[in-house]
């Protein structure tokens, strides 16, 4: 379960699918030979949560593609995290573009690193956000 905050400020608890896997960085650009699309990167914030062993991630949704055109088909986000900045091997897919906050819970004592990418309706992912971190004691 994860607590998510909608753009209107309301909070809901949602079941989320957590995938534990290693991944290669995805392509951030797609083209059919005539037109292309790529999502612009964006920033995240990692803050303390009221619950021990958790971190709250929040972000502003991207609004444009890398070419400056409006982003009209945002489909969701992928939160990636792990205990090394170059090994973010836990992934949570959020299939709702209206969610702008995610609480990562059940974190063991360590320094945890987090990134978020946005993706559109055809699966093109943005570049990863800057890496945020939080130490759980």
Foldseek 3Di string as FASTA:
>chain_A
DKWWAFPVGDIDDDDWDKDFFFDDDDDQKDDPPPDIWGAAEFAKDWDDDPDAAKIKIFTDQGQATPVRHGDDFWQWKKKFKDQDPVTRRMIITDRHSRTGMIMDGPHDFGKMKMWMWIAGPVGRIHDIHPIDIDGHD
